[in-house]
Amino acid sequence: MPGTTEQNRRNGGMSVREAGQKGGETVKHKYGAQFYEEIGRKGGLATKQAHGHEFYEQIGKKGGKKGGEATRDRYGPNFYERIGQKGGQRVKQLIEEGKRAANAEKKRAS
């Protein structure tokens, strides 16, 4: 089919994605990474003015729900149990290390 990515490459062309990536790199070299920070900030302010604070709350809830569902679907419900146990073990380890450090400090002070 004419215009496909594979055919563009054979003809010396590039895909839309490749062209966009190349353009983005050119802009970054010309204006610096701060340029993207500035336009992102301006875009965020414009969105806030147009839609209000509640808009961000709504999309945050949607994203959190979808992200949580995607993680659950990808790793299964037992995933949360496993990572919770790992986190709890790490906290226990850090507490023990803190106690040992405090005891060592007390011994040095006396």
N, C-alpha and C. Protein backbone atom coordinates (compact mmCIF):
# COMPACT_ATOMS: atom_id res chain seq x y z
N MET A 1 0.86 -1.19 0.00
CA MET A 1 0.00 0.00 0.00
C MET A 1 0.89 1.24 0.00
N PRO A 2 0.63 2.20 -0.87
CA PRO A 2 1.47 3.40 -0.96
C PRO A 2 1.41 4.20 0.33
N GLY A 3 2.57 4.79 0.67
CA GLY A 3 2.62 5.67 1.82
C GLY A 3 2.87 4.96 3.14
N THR A 4 3.12 3.65 3.11
CA THR A 4 3.38 2.96 4.37
C THR A 4 4.76 3.30 4.88
N THR A 5 4.98 3.08 6.14
CA THR A 5 6.27 3.37 6.76
C THR A 5 7.38 2.60 6.07
N GLU A 6 7.14 1.31 5.81
CA GLU A 6 8.17 0.48 5.19
C GLU A 6 8.52 1.00 3.79
N GLN A 7 7.51 1.39 3.04
CA GLN A 7 7.77 1.91 1.69
C GLN A 7 8.47 3.27 1.75
N ASN A 8 8.12 4.10 2.71
CA ASN A 8 8.79 5.39 2.88
C ASN A 8 10.27 5.19 3.15
N ARG A 9 10.59 4.21 3.98
CA ARG A 9 11.99 3.95 4.31
C ARG A 9 12.75 3.47 3.08
N ARG A 10 12.12 2.61 2.28
CA ARG A 10 12.78 2.11 1.06
C ARG A 10 13.03 3.24 0.08
N ASN A 11 12.15 4.20 0.07
CA ASN A 11 12.28 5.33 -0.85
C ASN A 11 13.10 6.46 -0.26
N GLY A 12 13.74 6.21 0.88
CA GLY A 12 14.57 7.24 1.51
C GLY A 12 13.80 8.17 2.42
N GLY A 13 12.49 7.97 2.57
CA GLY A 13 11.68 8.81 3.43
C GLY A 13 11.72 8.32 4.86
N MET A 14 10.88 8.89 5.69
CA MET A 14 10.79 8.47 7.08
C MET A 14 9.34 8.48 7.51
N SER A 15 9.07 7.79 8.60
CA SER A 15 7.71 7.75 9.12
C SER A 15 7.38 9.08 9.80
N VAL A 16 6.11 9.28 10.06
CA VAL A 16 5.68 10.49 10.77
C VAL A 16 6.32 10.54 12.14
N ARG A 17 6.41 9.38 12.79
CA ARG A 17 7.02 9.32 14.11
C ARG A 17 8.49 9.73 14.04
N GLU A 18 9.21 9.19 13.07
CA GLU A 18 10.62 9.52 12.92
C GLU A 18 10.81 11.00 12.62
N ALA A 19 9.95 11.55 11.75
CA ALA A 19 10.04 12.97 11.42
C ALA A 19 9.77 13.83 12.64
N GLY A 20 8.78 13.45 13.44
CA GLY A 20 8.47 14.19 14.67
C GLY A 20 9.61 14.13 15.67
N GLN A 21 10.22 12.96 15.76
CA GLN A 21 11.34 12.80 16.69
C GLN A 21 12.52 13.66 16.24
N LYS A 22 12.78 13.66 14.95
CA LYS A 22 13.88 14.45 14.41
C LYS A 22 13.61 15.94 14.63
N GLY A 23 12.38 16.36 14.39
CA GLY A 23 12.02 17.76 14.61
C GLY A 23 12.14 18.17 16.07
N GLY A 24 11.73 17.26 16.96
CA GLY A 24 11.84 17.55 18.39
C GLY A 24 13.28 17.69 18.84
N GLU A 25 14.16 16.85 18.32
CA GLU A 25 15.58 16.95 18.65
C GLU A 25 16.17 18.25 18.12
N THR A 26 15.77 18.64 16.91
CA THR A 26 16.26 19.89 16.33
C THR A 26 15.85 21.08 17.19
N VAL A 27 14.59 21.11 17.62
CA VAL A 27 14.09 22.20 18.46
C VAL A 27 14.84 22.20 19.80
N LYS A 28 15.06 21.01 20.35
CA LYS A 28 15.76 20.92 21.64
C LYS A 28 17.18 21.47 21.52
N HIS A 29 17.86 21.14 20.44
CA HIS A 29 19.23 21.65 20.25
C HIS A 29 19.23 23.17 20.00
N LYS A 30 18.21 23.64 19.30
CA LYS A 30 18.16 25.06 18.96
C LYS A 30 17.75 25.93 20.15
N TYR A 31 16.74 25.50 20.90
CA TYR A 31 16.18 26.33 21.98
C TYR A 31 16.48 25.82 23.38
N GLY A 32 16.93 24.59 23.51
CA GLY A 32 17.23 24.03 24.82
C GLY A 32 16.04 23.33 25.45
N ALA A 33 16.32 22.51 26.44
CA ALA A 33 15.28 21.73 27.11
C ALA A 33 14.31 22.65 27.87
N GLN A 34 14.79 23.82 28.31
CA GLN A 34 13.92 24.74 29.05
C GLN A 34 12.75 25.24 28.19
N PHE A 35 12.94 25.24 26.88
CA PHE A 35 11.87 25.64 25.97
C PHE A 35 10.65 24.75 26.19
N TYR A 36 10.88 23.43 26.29
CA TYR A 36 9.77 22.51 26.50
C TYR A 36 9.13 22.70 27.87
N GLU A 37 9.95 23.00 28.88
CA GLU A 37 9.40 23.27 30.21
C GLU A 37 8.48 24.48 30.16
N GLU A 38 8.93 25.51 29.46
CA GLU A 38 8.14 26.75 29.37
C GLU A 38 6.82 26.53 28.64
N ILE A 39 6.87 25.85 27.49
CA ILE A 39 5.61 25.66 26.75
C ILE A 39 4.69 24.70 27.49
N GLY A 40 5.26 23.74 28.23
CA GLY A 40 4.43 22.85 29.05
C GLY A 40 3.73 23.61 30.16
N ARG A 41 4.46 24.51 30.80
CA ARG A 41 3.90 25.33 31.87
C ARG A 41 2.78 26.22 31.32
N LYS A 42 3.04 26.85 30.16
CA LYS A 42 2.03 27.71 29.55
C LYS A 42 0.79 26.91 29.18
N GLY A 43 1.00 25.72 28.66
CA GLY A 43 -0.13 24.86 28.29
C GLY A 43 -0.94 24.45 29.51
N GLY A 44 -0.23 24.14 30.58
CA GLY A 44 -0.90 23.77 31.82
C GLY A 44 -1.72 24.91 32.39
N LEU A 45 -1.17 26.12 32.34
CA LEU A 45 -1.92 27.29 32.83
C LEU A 45 -3.14 27.56 31.97
N ALA A 46 -2.98 27.42 30.66
CA ALA A 46 -4.12 27.64 29.76
C ALA A 46 -5.21 26.61 30.02
N THR A 47 -4.83 25.38 30.24
CA THR A 47 -5.80 24.32 30.54
C THR A 47 -6.49 24.60 31.86
N LYS A 48 -5.73 25.04 32.85
CA LYS A 48 -6.31 25.36 34.15
C LYS A 48 -7.31 26.50 34.04
N GLN A 49 -6.97 27.51 33.27
CA GLN A 49 -7.88 28.64 33.09
C GLN A 49 -9.13 28.23 32.33
N ALA A 50 -8.97 27.38 31.34
CA ALA A 50 -10.11 26.97 30.51
C ALA A 50 -11.02 25.98 31.24
N HIS A 51 -10.45 25.08 32.03
CA HIS A 51 -11.24 23.99 32.60
C HIS A 51 -11.38 24.02 34.11
N GLY A 52 -10.52 24.74 34.81
CA GLY A 52 -10.60 24.83 36.27
C GLY A 52 -9.92 23.69 36.98
N HIS A 53 -9.80 23.85 38.29
CA HIS A 53 -9.12 22.89 39.16
C HIS A 53 -9.81 21.53 39.16
N GLU A 54 -11.13 21.54 39.09
CA GLU A 54 -11.89 20.30 39.14
C GLU A 54 -11.53 19.36 38.00
N PHE A 55 -11.19 19.94 36.85
CA PHE A 55 -10.80 19.15 35.68
C PHE A 55 -9.62 18.25 36.02
N TYR A 56 -8.62 18.79 36.71
CA TYR A 56 -7.45 18.00 37.08
C TYR A 56 -7.82 16.91 38.07
N GLU A 57 -8.75 17.21 38.97
CA GLU A 57 -9.21 16.19 39.92
C GLU A 57 -9.87 15.03 39.18
N GLN A 58 -10.71 15.38 38.20
CA GLN A 58 -11.42 14.34 37.44
C GLN A 58 -10.45 13.47 36.64
N ILE A 59 -9.52 14.09 35.92
CA ILE A 59 -8.62 13.29 35.10
C ILE A 59 -7.65 12.50 35.98
N GLY A 60 -7.32 13.03 37.14
CA GLY A 60 -6.47 12.30 38.08
C GLY A 60 -7.15 11.04 38.59
N LYS A 61 -8.43 11.16 38.91
CA LYS A 61 -9.19 10.00 39.38
C LYS A 61 -9.31 8.96 38.27
N LYS A 62 -9.60 9.43 37.05
CA LYS A 62 -9.72 8.50 35.92
C LYS A 62 -8.40 7.79 35.67
N GLY A 63 -7.32 8.55 35.67
CA GLY A 63 -6.00 7.96 35.43
C GLY A 63 -5.61 6.98 36.51
N GLY A 64 -5.89 7.33 37.75
CA GLY A 64 -5.56 6.43 38.86
C GLY A 64 -6.35 5.14 38.78
N LYS A 65 -7.62 5.27 38.43
CA LYS A 65 -8.48 4.09 38.32
C LYS A 65 -8.02 3.20 37.17
N LYS A 66 -7.79 3.82 36.02
CA LYS A 66 -7.36 3.05 34.85
C LYS A 66 -5.99 2.44 35.08
N GLY A 67 -5.09 3.22 35.70
CA GLY A 67 -3.75 2.71 35.97
C GLY A 67 -3.79 1.54 36.94
N GLY A 68 -4.62 1.66 37.96
CA GLY A 68 -4.77 0.57 38.93
C GLY A 68 -5.37 -0.66 38.31
N GLU A 69 -6.37 -0.46 37.44
CA GLU A 69 -6.99 -1.59 36.76
C GLU A 69 -6.00 -2.25 35.80
N ALA A 70 -5.22 -1.43 35.11
CA ALA A 70 -4.23 -1.98 34.17
C ALA A 70 -3.18 -2.78 34.91
N THR A 71 -2.73 -2.28 36.06
CA THR A 71 -1.74 -3.00 36.86
C THR A 71 -2.34 -4.30 37.37
N ARG A 72 -3.56 -4.25 37.86
CA ARG A 72 -4.22 -5.45 38.35
C ARG A 72 -4.36 -6.48 37.23
N ASP A 73 -4.79 -6.02 36.05
CA ASP A 73 -4.98 -6.93 34.92
C ASP A 73 -3.64 -7.51 34.45
N ARG A 74 -2.60 -6.70 34.49
CA ARG A 74 -1.29 -7.15 34.01
C ARG A 74 -0.63 -8.12 34.98
N TYR A 75 -0.69 -7.82 36.29
CA TYR A 75 0.07 -8.60 37.27
C TYR A 75 -0.79 -9.49 38.15
N GLY A 76 -2.08 -9.29 38.16
CA GLY A 76 -2.97 -10.09 38.99
C GLY A 76 -3.14 -9.49 40.37
N PRO A 77 -4.21 -9.90 41.07
CA PRO A 77 -4.49 -9.31 42.38
C PRO A 77 -3.44 -9.67 43.44
N ASN A 78 -2.75 -10.78 43.29
CA ASN A 78 -1.73 -11.16 44.28
C ASN A 78 -0.52 -10.25 44.23
N PHE A 79 -0.37 -9.52 43.15
CA PHE A 79 0.76 -8.59 43.00
C PHE A 79 0.79 -7.60 44.16
N TYR A 80 -0.37 -7.06 44.52
CA TYR A 80 -0.43 -6.06 45.58
C TYR A 80 0.00 -6.66 46.92
N GLU A 81 -0.37 -7.90 47.15
CA GLU A 81 0.03 -8.57 48.38
C GLU A 81 1.55 -8.73 48.42
N ARG A 82 2.13 -9.16 47.30
CA ARG A 82 3.58 -9.36 47.25
C ARG A 82 4.34 -8.05 47.46
N ILE A 83 3.92 -6.98 46.78
CA ILE A 83 4.66 -5.72 46.94
C ILE A 83 4.44 -5.12 48.32
N GLY A 84 3.27 -5.37 48.91
CA GLY A 84 3.02 -4.91 50.27
C GLY A 84 3.94 -5.60 51.27
N GLN A 85 4.13 -6.91 51.08
CA GLN A 85 5.02 -7.66 51.97
C GLN A 85 6.46 -7.16 51.80
N LYS A 86 6.87 -6.95 50.56
CA LYS A 86 8.24 -6.44 50.32
C LYS A 86 8.43 -5.09 50.99
N GLY A 87 7.44 -4.22 50.84
CA GLY A 87 7.53 -2.89 51.46
C GLY A 87 7.60 -2.99 52.97
N GLY A 88 6.78 -3.87 53.55
CA GLY A 88 6.79 -4.05 55.00
C GLY A 88 8.12 -4.59 55.49
N GLN A 89 8.69 -5.53 54.74
CA GLN A 89 10.00 -6.08 55.11
C GLN A 89 11.07 -5.00 55.07
N ARG A 90 11.01 -4.15 54.07
CA ARG A 90 12.00 -3.08 53.93
C ARG A 90 11.87 -2.09 55.09
N VAL A 91 10.66 -1.74 55.45
CA VAL A 91 10.44 -0.82 56.57
C VAL A 91 11.00 -1.43 57.86
N LYS A 92 10.73 -2.71 58.07
CA LYS A 92 11.24 -3.40 59.26
C LYS A 92 12.77 -3.36 59.28
N GLN A 93 13.38 -3.60 58.13
CA GLN A 93 14.84 -3.57 58.01
C GLN A 93 15.38 -2.17 58.35
N LEU A 94 14.74 -1.14 57.82
CA LEU A 94 15.20 0.23 58.08
C LEU A 94 15.06 0.60 59.56
N ILE A 95 14.00 0.14 60.19
CA ILE A 95 13.82 0.41 61.62
C ILE A 95 14.93 -0.25 62.42
N GLU A 96 15.24 -1.50 62.09
CA GLU A 96 16.32 -2.21 62.79
C GLU A 96 17.66 -1.51 62.58
N GLU A 97 17.93 -1.07 61.36
CA GLU A 97 19.17 -0.35 61.09
C GLU A 97 19.24 0.95 61.89
N GLY A 98 18.11 1.64 61.99
CA GLY A 98 18.04 2.88 62.76
C GLY A 98 18.31 2.64 64.24
N LYS A 99 17.73 1.56 64.77
CA LYS A 99 17.96 1.22 66.17
C LYS A 99 19.43 0.90 66.43
N ARG A 100 20.04 0.12 65.54
CA ARG A 100 21.45 -0.22 65.69
C ARG A 100 22.32 1.04 65.65
N ALA A 101 22.00 1.95 64.71
CA ALA A 101 22.78 3.19 64.60
C ALA A 101 22.62 4.04 65.86
N ALA A 102 21.41 4.09 66.40
CA ALA A 102 21.17 4.88 67.62
C ALA A 102 21.92 4.27 68.79
N ASN A 103 21.92 2.96 68.91
CA ASN A 103 22.65 2.28 69.99
C ASN A 103 24.15 2.51 69.86
N ALA A 104 24.66 2.44 68.64
CA ALA A 104 26.09 2.68 68.40
C ALA A 104 26.45 4.11 68.77
N GLU A 105 25.59 5.06 68.47
CA GLU A 105 25.83 6.46 68.80
C GLU A 105 25.83 6.66 70.31
N LYS A 106 24.92 5.99 71.02
CA LYS A 106 24.87 6.08 72.49
C LYS A 106 26.16 5.56 73.09
N LYS A 107 26.66 4.44 72.55
CA LYS A 107 27.90 3.83 73.08
C LYS A 107 29.09 4.76 72.84
N ARG A 108 29.13 5.42 71.68
CA ARG A 108 30.23 6.35 71.39
C ARG A 108 30.16 7.57 72.30
N ALA A 109 28.95 8.00 72.62
CA ALA A 109 28.78 9.20 73.46
C ALA A 109 29.14 8.93 74.92
N SER A 110 29.06 7.66 75.36
CA SER A 110 29.36 7.39 76.77
C SER A 110 30.77 6.97 77.02
